[in-house]
Protein backbone atom coordinates (compact mmCIF):
# COMPACT_ATOMS: atom_id res chain seq x y z
CA MET A 1 -28.95 -49.33 -23.97
CA GLY A 2 -28.21 -51.86 -22.50
CA LYS A 3 -29.99 -54.03 -19.54
CA ASP A 4 -27.90 -52.84 -16.55
CA SER A 5 -28.61 -49.11 -17.34
CA LYS A 6 -30.96 -48.23 -15.13
CA ALA A 7 -29.01 -49.56 -12.62
CA ARG A 8 -26.14 -47.41 -13.49
CA LYS A 9 -28.86 -44.62 -13.59
CA GLN A 10 -29.43 -44.84 -10.24
CA LYS A 11 -26.37 -45.43 -9.07
CA GLY A 12 -25.01 -42.56 -10.75
CA LYS A 13 -23.32 -39.28 -8.35
CA ILE A 14 -22.74 -36.05 -9.67
CA LEU A 15 -19.56 -35.31 -7.96
CA THR A 16 -18.71 -31.90 -7.13
CA PHE A 17 -15.69 -30.24 -8.63
CA ILE A 18 -13.69 -27.67 -6.24
CA PRO A 19 -10.16 -26.78 -8.08
CA THR A 20 -7.27 -26.56 -5.72
CA GLY A 21 -4.04 -24.27 -5.63
CA GLU A 22 -2.30 -27.61 -7.50
CA TYR A 23 -4.99 -27.75 -10.28
CA TYR A 24 -4.22 -24.35 -11.41
CA PHE A 25 -0.32 -24.24 -10.49
CA THR A 26 -0.06 -27.21 -12.83
CA LYS A 27 -2.11 -25.34 -15.71
CA GLY A 28 -0.20 -22.43 -14.83
CA LEU A 29 3.25 -25.10 -15.63
CA LYS A 30 1.77 -26.13 -18.89
CA ALA A 31 0.85 -22.54 -20.24
CA TYR A 32 4.60 -21.60 -19.36
CA HIS A 33 6.02 -24.58 -21.03
CA ARG A 34 3.87 -23.42 -24.06
CA ARG A 35 5.29 -19.59 -23.38
CA ASP A 36 1.66 -18.31 -22.77
CA PHE A 37 2.79 -15.97 -19.75
CA ILE A 38 -0.70 -14.22 -19.76
CA LYS A 39 -2.58 -17.34 -18.93
CA ALA A 40 0.11 -18.56 -17.15
CA LYS A 41 0.28 -15.60 -14.86
CA LYS A 42 -3.45 -15.43 -14.57
CA TYR A 43 -3.42 -19.66 -13.38
CA LEU A 44 -0.69 -19.25 -11.12
CA GLN A 45 -2.35 -15.93 -9.60
CA ARG A 46 -5.40 -18.13 -8.78
CA ALA A 47 -3.11 -20.73 -7.43
CA LEU A 48 -1.48 -18.67 -5.03
CA GLN A 49 -4.92 -17.05 -3.73
CA LEU A 50 -5.78 -20.88 -2.89
CA GLU A 51 -2.40 -21.65 -1.54
CA PRO A 52 -1.00 -18.33 -0.11
CA GLY A 53 1.72 -19.77 1.75
CA GLU A 54 3.25 -22.66 -0.76
CA PRO A 55 6.39 -20.93 -1.66
CA MET A 56 6.90 -23.21 -5.32
CA ILE A 57 3.79 -21.57 -6.66
CA ALA A 58 4.93 -18.22 -5.53
CA CYS A 59 8.45 -18.52 -7.12
CA GLN A 60 6.78 -19.52 -10.62
CA LEU A 61 4.74 -16.94 -10.36
CA ALA A 62 8.00 -14.64 -9.84
CA ILE A 63 9.18 -16.63 -13.27
CA VAL A 64 6.63 -15.45 -15.05
CA ARG A 65 6.25 -11.94 -14.33
CA THR A 66 9.79 -11.88 -15.24
CA GLU A 67 9.12 -13.45 -18.82
CA LEU A 68 6.39 -10.37 -18.70
CA GLY A 69 8.98 -7.80 -18.30
CA GLU A 70 7.31 -6.98 -14.98
CA TYR A 71 10.44 -7.09 -12.89
CA GLU A 72 9.42 -5.09 -9.91
CA ASN A 73 6.25 -7.28 -8.85
CA SER A 74 8.58 -10.22 -9.47
CA ASN A 75 10.98 -9.09 -7.13
CA GLN A 76 8.36 -8.22 -4.31
CA ILE A 77 7.33 -12.04 -4.72
CA LEU A 78 10.59 -13.28 -4.50
CA HIS A 79 11.33 -11.11 -1.57
CA LEU A 80 8.11 -12.25 0.32
CA ILE A 81 9.79 -15.99 -0.20
CA LEU A 82 12.79 -15.26 1.60
CA ASP A 83 11.84 -13.36 4.00
CA GLU A 84 8.52 -14.87 4.93
CA LEU A 85 8.04 -18.18 3.38
CA ASP A 86 11.16 -20.37 2.80
CA GLU A 87 14.22 -18.54 3.31
CA GLU A 88 16.11 -21.94 2.34
CA MET A 89 14.79 -21.10 -1.23
CA VAL A 90 18.21 -19.82 -2.39
CA GLU A 91 17.28 -19.97 -6.05
CA CYS A 92 15.30 -16.98 -5.43
CA HIS A 93 18.45 -15.14 -5.33
CA TYR A 94 19.07 -16.08 -8.71
CA PHE A 95 15.96 -14.91 -9.68
CA LEU A 96 16.41 -11.64 -8.05
CA ALA A 97 19.71 -10.92 -9.32
CA ASN A 98 18.92 -11.23 -13.08
CA ASN A 99 15.68 -8.84 -12.15
CA TYR A 100 17.79 -6.55 -10.97
CA ALA A 101 19.98 -6.19 -13.61
CA HIS A 102 17.74 -5.66 -16.40
CA MET A 103 16.46 -2.81 -13.86
CA GLY A 104 19.97 -1.59 -14.38
CA PHE A 105 20.62 -2.00 -10.67
CA PHE A 106 23.72 -3.50 -11.09
CA LYS A 107 24.75 -3.40 -7.67
CA ASP A 108 21.68 -5.28 -6.44
CA ALA A 109 22.32 -8.08 -8.74
CA TYR A 110 26.20 -8.15 -7.87
CA HIS A 111 24.89 -8.77 -4.29
CA HIS A 112 22.00 -11.54 -4.86
CA ALA A 113 24.48 -13.50 -7.45
CA LYS A 114 27.08 -13.40 -5.04
CA LEU A 115 24.55 -14.87 -2.15
CA TYR A 116 23.52 -17.39 -4.45
CA MET A 117 27.28 -18.35 -5.12
CA GLU A 118 28.02 -18.75 -0.91
CA LEU A 119 24.89 -20.27 -0.46
CA GLU A 120 24.82 -22.80 -3.58
CA PRO A 121 28.04 -23.08 -5.05
CA ASP A 122 26.98 -26.68 -6.86
CA GLY A 123 23.15 -25.24 -7.43
CA ASP A 124 21.47 -25.76 -10.74
CA PHE A 125 22.26 -21.84 -11.83
CA THR A 126 25.69 -22.26 -10.66
CA GLU A 127 27.08 -21.38 -14.38
CA ASP A 128 24.56 -18.96 -15.01
CA THR A 129 25.24 -16.88 -12.10
CA GLU A 130 29.19 -17.09 -12.81
CA ASP A 131 28.58 -15.91 -16.26
CA LEU A 132 26.10 -13.07 -14.87
CA MET A 133 28.52 -11.90 -11.93
CA GLU A 134 31.31 -11.61 -15.14
CA LEU A 135 29.16 -9.43 -17.00
CA LEU A 136 28.45 -7.32 -13.72
CA THR A 137 32.00 -6.80 -12.93
CA LEU A 138 32.66 -5.37 -16.80
CA GLU A 139 29.73 -2.94 -16.14
CA ALA A 140 31.16 -2.19 -12.94
CA GLU A 141 34.53 -1.19 -14.87
CA ASP A 142 32.80 0.93 -16.57
CA MET A 143 30.67 2.99 -13.89
CA ASP A 144 32.25 4.90 -10.94
CA ASP A 145 31.13 5.13 -7.27
CA GLU A 146 28.73 8.09 -8.26
CA LEU A 147 26.50 5.64 -10.56
CA TYR A 148 26.16 3.32 -7.82
CA GLU A 149 25.10 5.94 -5.61
CA GLU A 150 22.23 6.43 -7.76
CA ASP A 151 21.52 2.65 -8.55
CA ASP A 152 21.23 2.28 -4.50
CA LEU A 153 19.13 6.08 -4.51
CA ILE A 154 16.86 4.65 -6.71
CA ALA A 155 16.09 1.08 -4.98
CA LYS A 156 15.48 2.89 -2.12
CA GLN A 157 12.92 5.59 -3.69
CA GLU A 158 11.49 2.61 -5.44
CA GLN A 159 10.99 0.66 -1.94
CA ALA A 160 9.48 3.92 -0.30
CA ARG A 161 7.02 4.26 -3.03
CA ASP A 162 5.97 0.80 -2.75
CA LEU A 163 5.48 1.88 1.41
CA LEU A 164 3.47 4.57 0.68
CA GLU A 165 1.10 2.81 -1.72
CA SER A 166 0.69 -0.28 0.73
CA GLY A 167 -0.44 2.34 3.44
CA TYR A 168 2.82 1.67 5.78
CA PHE A 169 3.27 5.40 6.45
CA PRO A 170 5.88 5.33 9.53
CA LYS A 171 7.93 3.24 7.94
CA ALA A 172 7.66 5.17 4.51
CA ILE A 173 8.84 8.27 6.59
CA GLU A 174 11.57 6.11 8.66
CA LEU A 175 13.03 5.23 5.30
CA LEU A 176 12.74 8.70 3.29
CA ASN A 177 14.30 10.31 6.38
CA SER A 178 17.12 8.39 5.66
CA VAL A 179 17.48 9.07 2.25
CA VAL A 180 16.82 12.94 2.67
CA GLU A 181 19.72 12.99 5.38
CA GLU A 182 21.98 11.19 3.04
CA TYR A 183 20.90 13.06 -0.53
CA PRO A 184 19.98 16.51 0.89
CA GLU A 185 18.95 18.02 -2.74
CA TYR A 186 17.05 14.42 -3.95
CA TRP A 187 13.50 16.35 -4.20
CA SER A 188 11.39 13.49 -5.21
CA ALA A 189 12.24 12.05 -1.58
CA TYR A 190 11.00 15.33 0.04
CA ASN A 191 7.78 15.08 -1.91
CA ASN A 192 7.22 11.38 -1.00
CA LEU A 193 8.09 12.55 2.44
CA ALA A 194 5.72 15.15 2.82
CA LEU A 195 3.04 12.97 1.51
CA ALA A 196 3.38 10.50 4.12
CA TYR A 197 3.52 13.00 7.03
CA PHE A 198 0.38 13.94 5.59
CA TYR A 199 -1.61 10.60 5.29
CA LEU A 200 -0.69 10.30 9.02
CA GLY A 201 -2.54 13.64 9.30
CA GLU A 202 0.56 16.00 10.19
CA THR A 203 -0.55 18.49 7.07
CA GLU A 204 1.65 21.41 8.58
CA LYS A 205 4.73 19.29 8.58
CA ALA A 206 3.68 17.93 5.05
CA GLU A 207 3.32 21.59 3.93
CA SER A 208 6.82 22.52 5.64
CA ILE A 209 8.12 20.11 3.69
CA LEU A 210 6.56 21.26 0.46
CA MET A 211 7.45 24.94 1.24
CA ASP A 212 11.27 24.44 1.94
CA VAL A 213 11.18 22.17 -1.66
CA LEU A 214 9.88 25.33 -3.63
CA GLU A 215 12.07 28.16 -1.71
CA ARG A 216 15.26 25.67 -2.75
CA ASN A 217 14.00 24.18 -6.09
CA GLN A 218 11.62 26.94 -7.07
CA GLY A 219 9.01 25.52 -9.73
CA ASN A 220 8.90 22.06 -8.30
CA LEU A 221 5.93 20.55 -10.00
CA HIS A 222 5.63 17.58 -7.43
CA ALA A 223 5.70 19.97 -4.92
CA LEU A 224 3.21 22.16 -6.06
CA CYS A 225 0.84 19.21 -7.22
CA ASN A 226 1.03 18.13 -3.59
CA LEU A 227 0.15 21.10 -2.36
CA LEU A 228 -2.91 21.44 -4.69
CA VAL A 229 -3.85 17.70 -3.55
CA PHE A 230 -3.49 19.15 0.20
CA ALA A 231 -5.89 21.94 -0.21
CA HIS A 232 -8.21 19.64 -2.27
CA TYR A 233 -8.34 17.32 0.97
CA ARG A 234 -8.41 20.14 3.32
CA GLN A 235 -11.29 21.54 1.42
CA GLN A 236 -9.48 25.10 1.19
CA THR A 237 -11.52 26.20 -2.07
CA GLU A 238 -9.39 29.29 -2.01
CA ALA A 239 -6.12 27.90 -2.51
CA VAL A 240 -7.20 24.99 -4.79
CA GLU A 241 -8.31 27.68 -6.95
CA HIS A 242 -5.22 29.39 -7.16
CA LEU A 243 -2.98 26.27 -7.40
CA THR A 244 -4.81 25.07 -9.85
CA SER A 245 -4.86 28.16 -12.08
CA VAL A 246 -1.30 28.35 -11.51
CA ILE A 247 -1.01 24.16 -12.34
CA LYS A 248 -3.01 24.77 -15.37
CA LYS A 249 -0.63 27.06 -17.24
CA ILE A 250 2.44 24.58 -16.80
CA ASN A 251 3.14 22.57 -20.26
CA PRO A 252 5.24 19.59 -19.15
CA ILE A 253 7.96 18.17 -21.33
CA LEU A 254 9.03 15.13 -19.36
CA THR A 255 6.78 12.15 -19.34
CA GLU A 256 7.07 11.87 -15.68
CA HIS A 257 5.81 15.28 -15.32
CA GLN A 258 2.55 14.54 -17.48
CA PHE A 259 1.90 11.87 -15.51
CA LYS A 260 1.94 13.39 -12.34
CA LEU A 261 -0.21 16.41 -13.41
CA GLY A 262 -2.62 14.50 -14.65
CA ALA A 263 -2.65 12.10 -12.01
CA THR A 264 -3.50 15.63 -9.77
CA PHE A 265 -6.02 16.60 -11.90
CA ALA A 266 -7.93 13.53 -11.60
CA LEU A 267 -7.72 13.37 -8.20
CA VAL A 268 -9.03 16.77 -7.56
CA GLY A 269 -11.63 16.18 -10.06
CA GLU A 270 -10.21 18.02 -12.93
CA TYR A 271 -11.21 15.60 -15.07
CA GLU A 272 -10.85 17.27 -18.61
CA PRO A 273 -7.12 18.00 -18.48
CA ALA A 274 -6.53 14.83 -17.01
CA TYR A 275 -8.09 12.97 -19.55
CA SER A 276 -6.19 15.14 -22.21
CA LEU A 277 -2.81 14.31 -20.54
CA LEU A 278 -3.08 10.84 -19.68
CA ARG A 279 -4.92 9.42 -22.90
CA LYS A 280 -2.21 11.39 -24.74
CA LEU A 281 0.67 9.50 -22.62
CA TYR A 282 -1.19 6.02 -23.49
CA LYS A 283 -1.40 6.71 -27.16
CA GLN A 284 2.30 7.50 -27.29
CA GLY A 285 2.78 4.30 -25.71
CA PHE A 286 3.93 5.05 -22.27
CA ASP A 287 4.23 1.75 -20.02
CA GLY A 288 2.31 2.90 -17.34
CA ASP A 289 2.12 0.99 -13.78
CA GLY A 290 -1.58 0.47 -11.66
CA PRO A 291 -1.41 4.48 -11.03
CA PHE A 292 -1.40 5.01 -14.59
CA TYR A 293 -3.91 3.25 -15.42
CA TYR A 294 -6.31 4.09 -12.48
CA TRP A 295 -6.60 7.80 -12.33
CA LEU A 296 -6.69 7.22 -16.65
CA SER A 297 -9.84 4.91 -15.85
CA TYR A 298 -11.54 8.03 -13.62
CA ALA A 299 -10.62 10.50 -16.00
CA ALA A 300 -12.04 8.49 -18.83
CA TYR A 301 -15.59 7.33 -16.90
CA HIS A 302 -16.01 11.00 -15.92
CA THR A 303 -15.52 12.76 -19.00
CA GLY A 304 -17.53 10.33 -20.90
CA HIS A 305 -15.30 7.99 -22.54
CA GLU A 306 -16.81 4.71 -20.25
CA LYS A 307 -15.62 1.96 -23.15
CA ILE A 308 -11.81 3.36 -22.28
CA ALA A 309 -12.62 3.50 -18.60
CA HIS A 310 -13.37 -0.30 -18.29
CA SER A 311 -10.95 -1.04 -20.70
CA MET A 312 -8.09 0.82 -18.61
CA TRP A 313 -10.00 -0.46 -15.12
CA GLU A 314 -9.12 -4.24 -17.03
CA LYS A 315 -5.55 -3.58 -16.53
CA VAL A 316 -5.45 -2.00 -12.94
CA LEU A 317 -6.90 -5.30 -12.00
CA GLU A 318 -4.10 -7.10 -13.80
CA ILE A 319 -1.82 -5.02 -11.87
CA ASN A 320 -3.72 -4.61 -8.68
CA PRO A 321 -6.00 -7.00 -7.85
CA GLU A 322 -7.00 -5.83 -4.64
CA LYS A 323 -8.27 -2.72 -6.32
CA GLU A 324 -11.63 -4.77 -7.30
CA GLY A 325 -14.46 -3.13 -6.26
CA PHE A 326 -13.17 0.30 -6.32
CA GLU A 327 -13.96 1.09 -9.79
CA PRO A 328 -14.94 4.58 -10.87
CA TRP A 329 -18.74 3.52 -11.46
CA ASN A 330 -18.45 2.57 -7.95
CA GLU A 331 -16.89 5.82 -6.63
CA ASP A 332 -20.31 6.82 -4.31
CA ARG A 333 -20.44 3.56 -2.46
CA ILE A 334 -16.74 3.55 -2.15
CA GLN A 335 -16.73 7.28 -0.91
CA ILE A 336 -19.47 5.98 1.66
CA ASN A 337 -18.34 2.76 3.02
CA GLY A 338 -14.32 3.77 3.36
CA PHE A 339 -11.69 1.44 4.34
CA GLU A 340 -13.62 -0.51 6.49
CA ASP A 341 -14.97 -2.23 3.47
CA HIS A 342 -12.04 -2.44 1.52
CA VAL A 343 -10.61 -6.11 1.89
CA GLY A 344 -7.25 -5.53 0.17
CA SER A 345 -6.45 -2.25 2.34
CA ILE A 346 -7.23 -3.85 5.61
CA PHE A 347 -4.87 -7.18 4.89
CA GLN A 348 -2.08 -4.74 3.92
CA LYS A 349 -2.26 -3.11 7.26
CA ILE A 350 -2.64 -5.98 9.35
CA GLU A 351 0.34 -7.31 7.57
CA SER A 352 2.76 -4.28 8.89
CA ASP A 353 5.48 -4.31 10.69
CA TYR A 354 4.40 -1.58 12.90
CA VAL A 355 1.54 -2.34 15.63
CA GLU A 356 -0.37 0.59 15.56
CA GLU A 357 -1.10 -0.59 11.99
CA ARG A 358 -2.31 -3.95 13.07
CA LEU A 359 -4.24 -2.42 15.73
CA PHE A 360 -6.17 0.11 13.10
CA ALA A 361 -6.74 -2.97 10.92
CA LEU A 362 -7.88 -5.17 13.56
CA PHE A 363 -10.14 -2.17 14.48
CA LEU A 364 -11.88 -1.99 11.23
CA ILE A 365 -12.63 -5.30 10.98
CA SER A 366 -14.71 -4.96 13.86
CA VAL A 367 -16.45 -2.46 12.32
CA SER A 368 -16.23 -3.89 8.38
CA ALA A 369 -19.32 -4.88 6.49
CA LYS A 370 -17.42 -7.71 5.23
CA LYS A 371 -16.19 -9.16 8.59
CA GLU A 372 -16.89 -12.52 8.36
CA THR A 373 -15.14 -12.92 5.06
CA ILE A 374 -12.32 -11.44 6.48
CA LEU A 375 -12.02 -13.58 9.74
CA SER A 376 -12.50 -16.71 7.65
CA SER A 377 -9.60 -15.53 5.66
CA LYS A 378 -6.34 -17.91 5.77
CA ARG A 379 -4.66 -14.49 5.15
CA LEU A 380 -5.56 -13.71 8.51
CA THR A 381 -5.49 -16.88 10.54
CA GLY A 382 -1.60 -17.64 9.03
CA ASN A 383 -0.19 -14.28 10.06
CA ASP A 384 2.70 -14.40 12.14
CA LYS A 385 3.15 -10.89 12.87
CA LEU A 386 0.62 -10.50 15.48
CA SER A 387 1.22 -10.10 18.94
CA THR A 388 -0.39 -11.70 22.28
CA LEU A 389 -2.37 -8.65 22.83
CA GLU A 390 -3.32 -8.64 19.17
CA LYS A 391 -4.26 -12.01 18.95
CA GLU A 392 -6.72 -11.43 21.95
CA TYR A 393 -7.77 -8.34 20.16
CA LEU A 394 -8.84 -10.62 17.36
CA GLN A 395 -10.43 -13.00 19.27
CA PHE A 396 -12.65 -10.14 21.19
CA ILE A 397 -13.22 -8.95 17.76
CA LYS A 398 -14.63 -12.65 16.37
CA SER A 399 -16.53 -13.85 19.45
CA GLY A 400 -17.97 -10.32 20.73
CA LYS A 401 -17.38 -10.72 24.27
CA ARG A 402 -16.09 -7.54 26.03
CA LYS A 403 -13.88 -10.56 28.61
CA MET A 404 -10.44 -9.34 27.41
CA ASN A 405 -7.67 -7.08 28.60
CA SER A 406 -8.71 -4.21 30.33
CA SER A 407 -6.63 -1.76 28.44
CA LEU A 408 -7.39 -3.10 25.14
CA ARG A 409 -11.13 -3.28 26.01
CA ASP A 410 -10.60 0.70 26.81
CA ALA A 411 -8.61 1.45 23.47
CA HIS A 412 -11.32 -0.57 21.25
CA GLU A 413 -13.92 1.49 22.95
CA THR A 414 -12.05 5.00 22.66
CA ALA A 415 -12.06 3.93 19.13
CA GLU A 416 -15.42 3.12 18.33
CA ILE A 417 -15.90 6.51 20.40
CA LEU A 418 -14.09 8.50 17.97
CA TYR A 419 -15.54 6.51 15.10
CA GLU A 420 -19.27 7.75 16.36
CA TYR A 421 -17.74 11.09 15.01
CA HIS A 422 -15.42 10.29 12.56
CA HIS A 423 -16.65 7.40 9.76
CA PRO A 424 -16.67 6.59 7.20
CA VAL A 425 -12.44 5.84 7.27
CA GLY A 426 -10.80 7.53 4.28
CA THR A 427 -7.18 8.22 4.09
CA VAL A 428 -7.50 11.63 5.71
CA GLU A 429 -9.23 9.64 8.60
CA ALA A 430 -6.83 7.18 8.80
CA GLY A 431 -4.55 9.32 10.19
CA LEU A 432 -6.82 9.77 13.74
CA TYR A 433 -6.96 6.13 14.30
CA LEU A 434 -3.39 5.71 13.60
CA MET A 435 -2.24 8.16 16.19
CA TRP A 436 -4.76 6.58 18.60
CA PHE A 437 -3.37 3.15 18.33
CA SER A 438 0.16 4.72 18.34
CA VAL A 439 -0.40 6.52 21.54
CA PHE A 440 -2.48 3.52 23.18
CA SER A 441 1.11 0.77 22.16
CA GLU A 442 3.30 3.70 23.93
CA MET A 443 0.84 3.67 26.82
CA ILE A 444 0.88 -0.02 27.19
CA LYS A 445 4.95 0.35 27.08
CA SER A 446 5.16 2.56 29.87
CA GLY A 447 2.11 0.86 32.04
CA THR A 448 -0.75 3.81 31.57
CA GLU A 449 -3.70 2.83 32.22
CA LEU A 450 -6.87 4.69 30.22
CA GLN A 451 -9.29 5.60 32.84
CA ASN A 452 -11.29 8.37 31.03
CA LYS A 453 -12.17 6.70 27.04
CA THR A 454 -14.27 10.32 26.66
CA ALA A 455 -11.36 12.41 27.39
CA TRP A 456 -8.98 10.47 25.45
CA ALA A 457 -11.22 10.75 22.69
CA ALA A 458 -11.72 14.42 22.91
CA ALA A 459 -7.78 14.92 23.25
CA MET A 460 -7.19 12.93 20.26
CA GLU A 461 -9.46 14.84 18.05
CA TYR A 462 -8.17 18.29 19.31
CA VAL A 463 -4.50 16.99 18.75
CA TRP A 464 -5.49 15.69 15.50
CA MET A 465 -7.34 19.15 14.51
CA LYS A 466 -3.96 20.98 15.19
CA LEU A 467 -1.94 18.85 13.00
CA ARG A 468 -3.64 18.93 10.17
CA GLY A 469 -3.71 22.84 10.34
CA GLU A 470 -7.55 23.20 11.31
CA LYS A 471 -8.60 24.92 14.28
CA MET A 472 -10.60 23.45 17.03
CA PRO A 473 -10.85 25.23 20.40
CA GLN A 474 -10.66 22.83 23.32
CA LYS A 475 -13.96 24.12 24.54
CA GLU A 476 -15.55 22.67 21.39
CA ALA A 477 -13.73 19.33 21.70
CA ALA A 478 -15.06 19.72 25.39
CA GLU A 479 -18.49 19.68 24.15
CA ARG A 480 -18.76 17.71 21.58
CA TYR A 481 -17.12 14.83 23.85
CA GLY A 482 -19.35 16.08 26.99
CA VAL A 483 -15.93 16.71 29.26
CA SER A 484 -14.84 19.64 31.12
CA VAL A 485 -12.31 22.20 29.06
CA ALA A 486 -9.83 21.40 32.26
CA THR A 487 -9.98 17.64 31.47
CA VAL A 488 -9.44 18.03 27.78
CA GLY A 489 -6.59 19.80 28.37
CA LYS A 490 -5.07 17.67 30.63
CA TYR A 491 -5.61 14.67 28.37
CA VAL A 492 -4.12 17.13 25.64
CA LYS A 493 -0.91 16.94 27.60
CA LEU A 494 -0.64 13.25 27.71
CA VAL A 495 -1.49 12.64 24.03
CA ASN A 496 1.30 14.93 23.31
CA SER A 497 3.77 13.09 25.70
CA PHE A 498 3.26 10.11 23.98
CA LEU A 499 3.42 11.08 20.33
CA GLN A 500 6.89 12.59 21.15
């Protein structure tokens, strides 16, 4: 050791290394060029978490997902870039065209290829795009208009499913209503439409849609399964037992039907038949999506196959990282905490195109145990969808001071009154709060003042229960909230007028 070693030792410092988005982006690129796409995806996902607004990172992640055959996920990222991050990143249209071509959606593929050629006639991918368009033109010559209609229909169905899974129920309803109007015998759309109405709390409407499907298309498995799910959530024991006994007699041949049946059994707690069906599909090489591995993990865990449950949950997190914390072995905690502590769901709602969902998300933040984590997230501070009113609500949640728009304060306090009776907020309860903030947004437009918060809460619960098909006399609502029956009746009329 030299004579200066002591001096060097004294002057030495330990430097803290904090990885950045650029660091992980570089590692992701290196893995991509080595064609190690699994590692590339892992690094790029981390890079995008650290820098969620960086379009170059997002685009490279989309390219990697394409290489892995994850075309739908790749398309979601590419559309996000064009819609929100950088509309001038024209090459995204070329990548979208390729993805849609791989998926068999030739009409969408041609649309994006043509867009790329129009916007970037001398771009890096011009020759490749010309080749693709020529190939698509040949495909089109072999197809009639009916196949192209089917192509468009499947695309809409996929979009609707994404909206349902993300909790954007009003937008899903809007899209699905247009689908069933255009394709009156497309039963899958009816089933998803029923689900959307059910999640919003309109159970009678949801059930009437399913009964109509079964009348016009007897034995429709999806409709039967959804009726069982509805009965399960509404704790209708006799209906659950009857429908379960009926559905257990069905021996589905189609893979899609086996998956639907297995997932339905898992959801209602019939784990043995669920595990049998889903495990069989997995052994047959079924290339499932997030929900498939989710329900297989739950069914495996509850039938004592814990090793398989953990293995399947790893696949869930690869596809949907936001599901972290919702493992079947954490089920009791989830049931206790509800949406309030599900950060992924809160962010999905606050990024919605619908004001009632954004307001609902802000309320969830106010009662969440993870409030500080959410408030400090760049995903929240970088959200440009919030209106002036919503930004004021956010500031109130951050500061806790009651000085804000009086109507907004009253709306929040009305939600707090509802929360005393309806917490934690699960899938069913969410419908009540979405209805309330939907009513409130209409009140703002009309200039109506809230005045009696307790009466609004009582009326909201009464209307919500009625829509769910559960009997609750106005007298009971009045007693629960400490107002007169006449007052409840008056405010019920107001709620219904705004819901119309």
